[in-house]
Amino acid sequence: IFNIFDTHFPKSSSDPIPTKHTIMSETPTIYYWPFCGRAGAPIFMLENKKVEYEVKSEMKDLATVATAFGASADTFAPPIMKWGDSVLSQSVAMTVFLGNKLEFDKGFDQYKILQYCLDIEDMAGEALKRMLGASPEDTKKFLEERLPKFCANFEKSIKGPFYFGEAPTSADFQFYATIKWVDAGLISPVAAETKKDYFEGFKKLKGVIEAVEALDGVKGYKKLTFLDTKNFGIKKEAVEAIAKLK
């Protein structure tokens, strides 16, 4: 879809991309809050390819690109990424853009990749509602009834160890980054009280997490946390109330 390099691309997914002769030579900038969250997939993709990038989190910077904060643009809210002349908002749009630009997705079905990314975002949107104040009964029902249905679909979509087999695509990075912030903000806090494994039996799902976590740039990453759980995670009293439900 994008023919953005006029030089040979590295053979290994962990090799740095060439910097001389690229159409977009400007350093990519990600505008987001000071944690990975919905910007996690683009961050890890850039880390894996050893592309230098910048994350800007101060409101004065966000206000230059997000119309929600007064910018004269067409990108509503963070995460937003600027690379050369390209300025994109929406986590999935940023991820599939990098999948093409950095050639993670070369040779794979672009529409299936998009579907898988959107499947993941559907789950995350429902999880976020429970993180930000749903009733204990509703959150329990989501974790025990709705989440397993999402996970069963993920499981059927994954060939293993990555979505399409032996090589990671943008769908894998989107899945990993999203699962990690949903886990930090909802699943792990509740599981710690209920003593339940909400991913039990989903071996391929866990396999993608392990496979992405072993990639260069992701393994040992400590620059940003996955989520600001104080402001975006489920509250302690809600967790305790869920644990008391039968």
C-alpha atoms as a PDB file:
ATOM      1  CA  ILE A   1       0.000   0.000   0.000  1.00  0.00           C
ATOM      2  CA  PHE A   2       2.790   2.427   0.915  1.00  0.00           C
ATOM      3  CA  ASN A   3       6.040   2.438  -1.064  1.00  0.00           C
ATOM      4  CA  ILE A   4       8.042   4.577   1.317  1.00  0.00           C
ATOM      5  CA  PHE A   5      11.621   3.393   1.034  1.00  0.00           C
ATOM      6  CA  ASP A   6      13.962   3.770  -1.945  1.00  0.00           C
ATOM      7  CA  THR A   7      16.555   1.457  -0.415  1.00  0.00           C
ATOM      8  CA  HIS A   8      16.579  -2.174   0.732  1.00  0.00           C
ATOM      9  CA  PHE A   9      14.640  -2.873   3.926  1.00  0.00           C
ATOM     10  CA  PRO A  10      16.497  -4.900   6.592  1.00  0.00           C
ATOM     11  CA  LYS A  11      15.880  -8.640   6.509  1.00  0.00           C
ATOM     12  CA  SER A  12      15.434  -9.024  10.277  1.00  0.00           C
ATOM     13  CA  SER A  13      12.451  -7.502  12.064  1.00  0.00           C
ATOM     14  CA  SER A  14      14.779  -6.327  14.812  1.00  0.00           C
ATOM     15  CA  ASP A  15      17.254  -4.527  12.518  1.00  0.00           C
ATOM     16  CA  PRO A  16      17.042  -0.734  12.420  1.00  0.00           C
ATOM     17  CA  ILE A  17      15.274   0.775   9.454  1.00  0.00           C
ATOM     18  CA  PRO A  18      17.433   2.770   7.058  1.00  0.00           C
ATOM     19  CA  THR A  19      17.496   6.496   7.816  1.00  0.00           C
ATOM     20  CA  LYS A  20      19.209   7.809   4.687  1.00  0.00           C
ATOM     21  CA  HIS A  21      16.852   7.881   1.643  1.00  0.00           C
ATOM     22  CA  THR A  22      13.540   7.590   3.495  1.00  0.00           C
ATOM     23  CA  ILE A  23      10.728   9.803   2.269  1.00  0.00           C
ATOM     24  CA  MET A  24       9.765  10.620   5.860  1.00  0.00           C
ATOM     25  CA  SER A  25      13.050  11.396   7.569  1.00  0.00           C
ATOM     26  CA  GLU A  26      11.598  13.592  10.313  1.00  0.00           C
ATOM     27  CA  THR A  27      11.551  12.074  13.799  1.00  0.00           C
ATOM     28  CA  PRO A  28       8.070  10.660  14.531  1.00  0.00           C
ATOM     29  CA  THR A  29       6.265  12.259  17.452  1.00  0.00           C
ATOM     30  CA  ILE A  30       3.514  10.638  19.498  1.00  0.00           C
ATOM     31  CA  TYR A  31       1.176  12.903  21.449  1.00  0.00           C
ATOM     32  CA  TYR A  32      -0.338  11.094  24.398  1.00  0.00           C
ATOM     33  CA  TRP A  33      -0.602  10.980  28.160  1.00  0.00           C
ATOM     34  CA  PRO A  34       2.524   9.837  30.072  1.00  0.00           C
ATOM     35  CA  PHE A  35       1.812   6.102  29.844  1.00  0.00           C
ATOM     36  CA  CYS A  36       1.523   3.592  26.988  1.00  0.00           C
ATOM     37  CA  GLY A  37      -2.241   3.040  26.937  1.00  0.00           C
ATOM     38  CA  ARG A  38      -3.713   3.394  23.460  1.00  0.00           C
ATOM     39  CA  ALA A  39      -0.368   4.604  22.118  1.00  0.00           C
ATOM     40  CA  GLY A  40       1.365   1.402  23.187  1.00  0.00           C
ATOM     41  CA  ALA A  41       1.272  -0.429  19.854  1.00  0.00           C
ATOM     42  CA  PRO A  42       2.923   2.400  17.877  1.00  0.00           C
ATOM     43  CA  ILE A  43       5.494   2.866  20.640  1.00  0.00           C
ATOM     44  CA  PHE A  44       6.475  -0.807  20.651  1.00  0.00           C
ATOM     45  CA  MET A  45       6.609  -0.967  16.854  1.00  0.00           C
ATOM     46  CA  LEU A  46       9.004   1.983  16.756  1.00  0.00           C
ATOM     47  CA  GLU A  47      11.036   0.483  19.595  1.00  0.00           C
ATOM     48  CA  ASN A  48      11.301  -2.842  17.771  1.00  0.00           C
ATOM     49  CA  LYS A  49      12.609  -1.206  14.581  1.00  0.00           C
ATOM     50  CA  LYS A  50      14.948   1.033  16.579  1.00  0.00           C
ATOM     51  CA  VAL A  51      13.386   4.183  15.168  1.00  0.00           C
ATOM     52  CA  GLU A  52      14.094   7.293  17.228  1.00  0.00           C
ATOM     53  CA  TYR A  53      10.869   8.963  18.279  1.00  0.00           C
ATOM     54  CA  GLU A  54       9.498  11.430  20.789  1.00  0.00           C
ATOM     55  CA  VAL A  55       6.490  11.300  23.106  1.00  0.00           C
ATOM     56  CA  LYS A  56       4.912  14.624  24.055  1.00  0.00           C
ATOM     57  CA  SER A  57       2.483  14.606  26.976  1.00  0.00           C
ATOM     58  CA  GLU A  58       2.192  18.211  28.148  1.00  0.00           C
ATOM     59  CA  MET A  59      -1.140  19.911  27.488  1.00  0.00           C
ATOM     60  CA  LYS A  60       0.525  22.759  25.614  1.00  0.00           C
ATOM     61  CA  ASP A  61       1.816  20.192  23.099  1.00  0.00           C
ATOM     62  CA  LEU A  62      -1.410  18.181  22.920  1.00  0.00           C
ATOM     63  CA  ALA A  63      -3.301  21.414  22.237  1.00  0.00           C
ATOM     64  CA  THR A  64      -1.327  21.926  19.030  1.00  0.00           C
ATOM     65  CA  VAL A  65      -2.655  18.749  17.408  1.00  0.00           C
ATOM     66  CA  ALA A  66      -5.934  17.784  19.130  1.00  0.00           C
ATOM     67  CA  THR A  67      -9.098  19.649  18.188  1.00  0.00           C
ATOM     68  CA  ALA A  68     -10.574  18.585  21.538  1.00  0.00           C
ATOM     69  CA  PHE A  69      -8.064  20.976  23.100  1.00  0.00           C
ATOM     70  CA  GLY A  70      -8.404  23.794  20.574  1.00  0.00           C
ATOM     71  CA  ALA A  71      -6.110  22.827  17.706  1.00  0.00           C
ATOM     72  CA  SER A  72      -6.950  23.727  14.122  1.00  0.00           C
ATOM     73  CA  ALA A  73      -6.658  20.196  12.745  1.00  0.00           C
ATOM     74  CA  ASP A  74      -8.702  17.081  11.929  1.00  0.00           C
ATOM     75  CA  THR A  75      -7.330  14.906  14.741  1.00  0.00           C
ATOM     76  CA  PHE A  76      -9.691  14.967  17.692  1.00  0.00           C
ATOM     77  CA  ALA A  77      -7.875  13.562  20.729  1.00  0.00           C
ATOM     78  CA  PRO A  78      -4.780  11.608  21.796  1.00  0.00           C
ATOM     79  CA  PRO A  79      -3.197   9.347  20.783  1.00  0.00           C
ATOM     80  CA  ILE A  80      -1.994  11.337  17.799  1.00  0.00           C
ATOM     81  CA  MET A  81       1.126  10.673  15.753  1.00  0.00           C
ATOM     82  CA  LYS A  82       3.001  13.001  13.444  1.00  0.00           C
ATOM     83  CA  TRP A  83       5.643  11.679  11.053  1.00  0.00           C
ATOM     84  CA  GLY A  84       6.666  13.953   8.221  1.00  0.00           C
ATOM     85  CA  ASP A  85       3.537  15.167   6.480  1.00  0.00           C
ATOM     86  CA  SER A  86       1.382  12.434   7.993  1.00  0.00           C
ATOM     87  CA  VAL A  87      -0.671  13.306  11.074  1.00  0.00           C
ATOM     88  CA  LEU A  88      -3.004  10.608  12.381  1.00  0.00           C
ATOM     89  CA  SER A  89      -5.227  10.072  15.387  1.00  0.00           C
ATOM     90  CA  GLN A  90      -6.904   6.860  16.541  1.00  0.00           C
ATOM     91  CA  SER A  91      -4.818   3.993  17.852  1.00  0.00           C
ATOM     92  CA  VAL A  92      -5.701   1.548  15.078  1.00  0.00           C
ATOM     93  CA  ALA A  93      -5.031   4.060  12.281  1.00  0.00           C
ATOM     94  CA  MET A  94      -1.603   4.803  13.741  1.00  0.00           C
ATOM     95  CA  THR A  95      -0.818   1.118  14.177  1.00  0.00           C
ATOM     96  CA  VAL A  96      -1.741  -0.003  10.657  1.00  0.00           C
ATOM     97  CA  PHE A  97       0.080   3.021   9.216  1.00  0.00           C
ATOM     98  CA  LEU A  98       3.259   1.892  10.954  1.00  0.00           C
ATOM     99  CA  GLY A  99       2.568  -1.698   9.972  1.00  0.00           C
ATOM    100  CA  ASN A 100       2.866  -0.607   6.360  1.00  0.00           C
ATOM    101  CA  LYS A 101       5.578   2.008   6.766  1.00  0.00           C
ATOM    102  CA  LEU A 102       7.870  -0.266   8.773  1.00  0.00           C
ATOM    103  CA  GLU A 103       6.893  -3.284   6.664  1.00  0.00           C
ATOM    104  CA  PHE A 104       5.560  -5.436   9.488  1.00  0.00           C
ATOM    105  CA  ASP A 105       2.469  -6.096   7.369  1.00  0.00           C
ATOM    106  CA  LYS A 106       4.113  -6.665   3.997  1.00  0.00           C
ATOM    107  CA  GLY A 107       2.632  -9.742   2.328  1.00  0.00           C
ATOM    108  CA  PHE A 108      -0.229 -10.127   4.797  1.00  0.00           C
ATOM    109  CA  ASP A 109      -3.960  -9.520   4.330  1.00  0.00           C
ATOM    110  CA  GLN A 110      -4.383  -5.814   5.146  1.00  0.00           C
ATOM    111  CA  TYR A 111      -8.126  -6.106   5.670  1.00  0.00           C
ATOM    112  CA  LYS A 112      -7.825  -9.024   8.082  1.00  0.00           C
ATOM    113  CA  ILE A 113      -5.185  -7.097  10.016  1.00  0.00           C
ATOM    114  CA  LEU A 114      -7.594  -4.174  10.261  1.00  0.00           C
ATOM    115  CA  GLN A 115     -10.403  -6.478  11.368  1.00  0.00           C
ATOM    116  CA  TYR A 116      -8.241  -8.033  14.088  1.00  0.00           C
ATOM    117  CA  CYS A 117      -7.167  -4.607  15.365  1.00  0.00           C
ATOM    118  CA  LEU A 118     -10.777  -3.437  15.503  1.00  0.00           C
ATOM    119  CA  ASP A 119     -11.849  -6.662  17.252  1.00  0.00           C
ATOM    120  CA  ILE A 120      -9.299  -5.854  19.940  1.00  0.00           C
ATOM    121  CA  GLU A 121     -10.506  -2.265  20.223  1.00  0.00           C
ATOM    122  CA  ASP A 122     -14.115  -3.450  20.626  1.00  0.00           C
ATOM    123  CA  MET A 123     -13.059  -5.461  23.659  1.00  0.00           C
ATOM    124  CA  ALA A 124     -11.024  -2.564  25.062  1.00  0.00           C
ATOM    125  CA  GLY A 125     -13.915  -0.126  24.742  1.00  0.00           C
ATOM    126  CA  GLU A 126     -16.184  -2.392  26.742  1.00  0.00           C
ATOM    127  CA  ALA A 127     -13.469  -3.011  29.327  1.00  0.00           C
ATOM    128  CA  LEU A 128     -12.849   0.709  29.746  1.00  0.00           C
ATOM    129  CA  LYS A 129     -16.499   1.278  30.659  1.00  0.00           C
ATOM    130  CA  ARG A 130     -16.058  -1.187  33.538  1.00  0.00           C
ATOM    131  CA  MET A 131     -12.806   0.430  34.626  1.00  0.00           C
ATOM    132  CA  LEU A 132     -14.425   3.852  34.905  1.00  0.00           C
ATOM    133  CA  GLY A 133     -17.449   3.108  37.033  1.00  0.00           C
ATOM    134  CA  ALA A 134     -19.874   0.362  36.002  1.00  0.00           C
ATOM    135  CA  SER A 135     -21.766  -1.498  38.699  1.00  0.00           C
ATOM    136  CA  PRO A 136     -20.057  -4.497  40.340  1.00  0.00           C
ATOM    137  CA  GLU A 137     -22.727  -6.774  38.861  1.00  0.00           C
ATOM    138  CA  ASP A 138     -22.162  -5.456  35.364  1.00  0.00           C
ATOM    139  CA  THR A 139     -18.379  -5.721  35.629  1.00  0.00           C
ATOM    140  CA  LYS A 140     -18.599  -9.280  36.946  1.00  0.00           C
ATOM    141  CA  LYS A 141     -20.893 -10.222  34.059  1.00  0.00           C
ATOM    142  CA  PHE A 142     -18.467  -8.672  31.562  1.00  0.00           C
ATOM    143  CA  LEU A 143     -15.486 -10.592  32.969  1.00  0.00           C
ATOM    144  CA  GLU A 144     -17.292 -13.918  33.210  1.00  0.00           C
ATOM    145  CA  GLU A 145     -19.554 -13.823  30.143  1.00  0.00           C
ATOM    146  CA  ARG A 146     -18.605 -11.157  27.599  1.00  0.00           C
ATOM    147  CA  LEU A 147     -14.806 -11.238  27.894  1.00  0.00           C
ATOM    148  CA  PRO A 148     -14.585 -15.018  27.272  1.00  0.00           C
ATOM    149  CA  LYS A 149     -16.497 -14.533  24.017  1.00  0.00           C
ATOM    150  CA  PHE A 150     -14.004 -11.917  22.872  1.00  0.00           C
ATOM    151  CA  CYS A 151     -11.141 -14.189  23.897  1.00  0.00           C
ATOM    152  CA  ALA A 152     -12.618 -17.170  22.068  1.00  0.00           C
ATOM    153  CA  ASN A 153     -12.730 -15.087  18.893  1.00  0.00           C
ATOM    154  CA  PHE A 154      -9.125 -13.947  19.403  1.00  0.00           C
ATOM    155  CA  GLU A 155      -8.134 -17.566  19.893  1.00  0.00           C
ATOM    156  CA  LYS A 156      -9.731 -18.584  16.577  1.00  0.00           C
ATOM    157  CA  SER A 157      -7.998 -15.705  14.788  1.00  0.00           C
ATOM    158  CA  ILE A 158      -4.465 -16.543  15.958  1.00  0.00           C
ATOM    159  CA  LYS A 159      -2.371 -19.106  14.072  1.00  0.00           C
ATOM    160  CA  GLY A 160       0.472 -18.967  16.594  1.00  0.00           C
ATOM    161  CA  PRO A 161       2.770 -17.853  17.907  1.00  0.00           C
ATOM    162  CA  PHE A 162       1.643 -14.596  16.269  1.00  0.00           C
ATOM    163  CA  TYR A 163      -1.658 -13.835  14.564  1.00  0.00           C
ATOM    164  CA  PHE A 164      -0.444 -14.869  11.106  1.00  0.00           C
ATOM    165  CA  GLY A 165       2.224 -17.356  12.152  1.00  0.00           C
ATOM    166  CA  GLU A 166       5.934 -16.870  12.692  1.00  0.00           C
ATOM    167  CA  ALA A 167       6.225 -13.106  12.124  1.00  0.00           C
ATOM    168  CA  PRO A 168       4.556 -10.257  14.042  1.00  0.00           C
ATOM    169  CA  THR A 169       2.206  -7.840  12.286  1.00  0.00           C
ATOM    170  CA  SER A 170       0.578  -4.650  13.493  1.00  0.00           C
ATOM    171  CA  ALA A 171      -2.308  -6.794  14.800  1.00  0.00           C
ATOM    172  CA  ASP A 172       0.040  -8.470  17.280  1.00  0.00           C
ATOM    173  CA  PHE A 173       1.339  -5.166  18.608  1.00  0.00           C
ATOM    174  CA  GLN A 174      -2.198  -3.797  18.880  1.00  0.00           C
ATOM    175  CA  PHE A 175      -3.316  -6.929  20.710  1.00  0.00           C
ATOM    176  CA  TYR A 176      -0.373  -6.939  23.109  1.00  0.00           C
ATOM    177  CA  ALA A 177      -0.491  -3.257  24.012  1.00  0.00           C
ATOM    178  CA  THR A 178      -4.263  -3.291  24.464  1.00  0.00           C
ATOM    179  CA  ILE A 179      -4.397  -6.456  26.546  1.00  0.00           C
ATOM    180  CA  LYS A 180      -1.667  -5.092  28.806  1.00  0.00           C
ATOM    181  CA  TRP A 181      -3.471  -1.865  29.655  1.00  0.00           C
ATOM    182  CA  VAL A 182      -6.832  -3.601  30.032  1.00  0.00           C
ATOM    183  CA  ASP A 183      -5.168  -6.158  32.301  1.00  0.00           C
ATOM    184  CA  ALA A 184      -3.492  -3.450  34.380  1.00  0.00           C
ATOM    185  CA  GLY A 185      -6.658  -1.408  34.773  1.00  0.00           C
ATOM    186  CA  LEU A 186      -9.279  -4.113  35.202  1.00  0.00           C
ATOM    187  CA  ILE A 187      -8.448  -7.793  34.919  1.00  0.00           C
ATOM    188  CA  SER A 188      -5.471  -8.169  37.252  1.00  0.00           C
ATOM    189  CA  PRO A 189      -6.939  -6.080  40.112  1.00  0.00           C
ATOM    190  CA  VAL A 190     -10.154  -8.123  40.052  1.00  0.00           C
ATOM    191  CA  ALA A 191      -8.315 -11.432  39.610  1.00  0.00           C
ATOM    192  CA  ALA A 192      -6.175 -10.666  42.658  1.00  0.00           C
ATOM    193  CA  GLU A 193      -9.358 -10.611  44.771  1.00  0.00           C
ATOM    194  CA  THR A 194     -11.433 -13.317  43.083  1.00  0.00           C
ATOM    195  CA  LYS A 195      -8.443 -15.658  42.532  1.00  0.00           C
ATOM    196  CA  LYS A 196      -9.671 -16.374  39.000  1.00  0.00           C
ATOM    197  CA  ASP A 197      -7.699 -16.586  35.766  1.00  0.00           C
ATOM    198  CA  TYR A 198      -9.890 -14.755  33.255  1.00  0.00           C
ATOM    199  CA  PHE A 199      -7.665 -15.927  30.387  1.00  0.00           C
ATOM    200  CA  GLU A 200      -7.752 -19.574  31.446  1.00  0.00           C
ATOM    201  CA  GLY A 201      -7.760 -21.969  28.510  1.00  0.00           C
ATOM    202  CA  PHE A 202      -6.812 -19.379  25.904  1.00  0.00           C
ATOM    203  CA  LYS A 203      -3.362 -20.702  25.038  1.00  0.00           C
ATOM    204  CA  LYS A 204      -2.904 -18.877  21.732  1.00  0.00           C
ATOM    205  CA  LEU A 205      -3.918 -15.580  23.323  1.00  0.00           C
ATOM    206  CA  LYS A 206      -1.299 -16.044  26.022  1.00  0.00           C
ATOM    207  CA  GLY A 207       1.136 -17.147  23.337  1.00  0.00           C
ATOM    208  CA  VAL A 208       0.855 -13.843  21.478  1.00  0.00           C
ATOM    209  CA  ILE A 209       1.539 -11.957  24.696  1.00  0.00           C
ATOM    210  CA  GLU A 210       4.646 -14.050  25.337  1.00  0.00           C
ATOM    211  CA  ALA A 211       5.843 -13.789  21.723  1.00  0.00           C
ATOM    212  CA  VAL A 212       5.512 -10.006  21.520  1.00  0.00           C
ATOM    213  CA  GLU A 213       7.047  -9.619  24.978  1.00  0.00           C
ATOM    214  CA  ALA A 214      10.150 -11.462  23.726  1.00  0.00           C
ATOM    215  CA  LEU A 215      10.696  -9.083  20.784  1.00  0.00           C
ATOM    216  CA  ASP A 216      13.510  -6.548  20.691  1.00  0.00           C
ATOM    217  CA  GLY A 217      12.308  -3.209  21.957  1.00  0.00           C
ATOM    218  CA  VAL A 218       9.457  -4.778  23.906  1.00  0.00           C
ATOM    219  CA  LYS A 219      11.485  -7.112  26.102  1.00  0.00           C
ATOM    220  CA  GLY A 220      12.543  -5.175  29.175  1.00  0.00           C
ATOM    221  CA  TYR A 221      10.728  -1.977  28.134  1.00  0.00           C
ATOM    222  CA  LYS A 222      10.462   0.376  31.133  1.00  0.00           C
ATOM    223  CA  LYS A 223      10.181   3.895  29.750  1.00  0.00           C
ATOM    224  CA  LEU A 224       6.441   4.212  30.393  1.00  0.00           C
ATOM    225  CA  THR A 225       3.908   2.205  32.392  1.00  0.00           C
ATOM    226  CA  PHE A 226       1.035   0.537  30.548  1.00  0.00           C
ATOM    227  CA  LEU A 227      -1.600   2.617  32.316  1.00  0.00           C
ATOM    228  CA  ASP A 228      -2.125   5.317  34.913  1.00  0.00           C
ATOM    229  CA  THR A 229      -4.158   2.979  37.105  1.00  0.00           C
ATOM    230  CA  LYS A 230      -4.811   5.665  39.724  1.00  0.00           C
ATOM    231  CA  ASN A 231      -6.864   7.736  37.295  1.00  0.00           C
ATOM    232  CA  PHE A 232      -8.025   5.116  34.793  1.00  0.00           C
ATOM    233  CA  GLY A 233      -8.079   1.800  36.656  1.00  0.00           C
ATOM    234  CA  ILE A 234     -10.972   0.202  38.485  1.00  0.00           C
ATOM    235  CA  LYS A 235     -11.355   1.460  42.059  1.00  0.00           C
ATOM    236  CA  LYS A 236     -10.451  -0.690  45.042  1.00  0.00           C
ATOM    237  CA  GLU A 237     -13.959  -0.546  46.506  1.00  0.00           C
ATOM    238  CA  ALA A 238     -15.414  -1.757  43.200  1.00  0.00           C
ATOM    239  CA  VAL A 239     -12.994  -4.692  43.153  1.00  0.00           C
ATOM    240  CA  GLU A 240     -13.944  -5.622  46.704  1.00  0.00           C
ATOM    241  CA  ALA A 241     -17.652  -5.434  45.833  1.00  0.00           C
ATOM    242  CA  ILE A 242     -17.153  -7.721  42.806  1.00  0.00           C
ATOM    243  CA  ALA A 243     -15.296 -10.273  44.941  1.00  0.00           C
ATOM    244  CA  LYS A 244     -18.265 -10.465  47.335  1.00  0.00           C
ATOM    245  CA  LEU A 245     -20.752 -11.312  44.577  1.00  0.00           C
ATOM    246  CA  LYS A 246     -21.730 -14.941  44.060  1.00  0.00           C
END
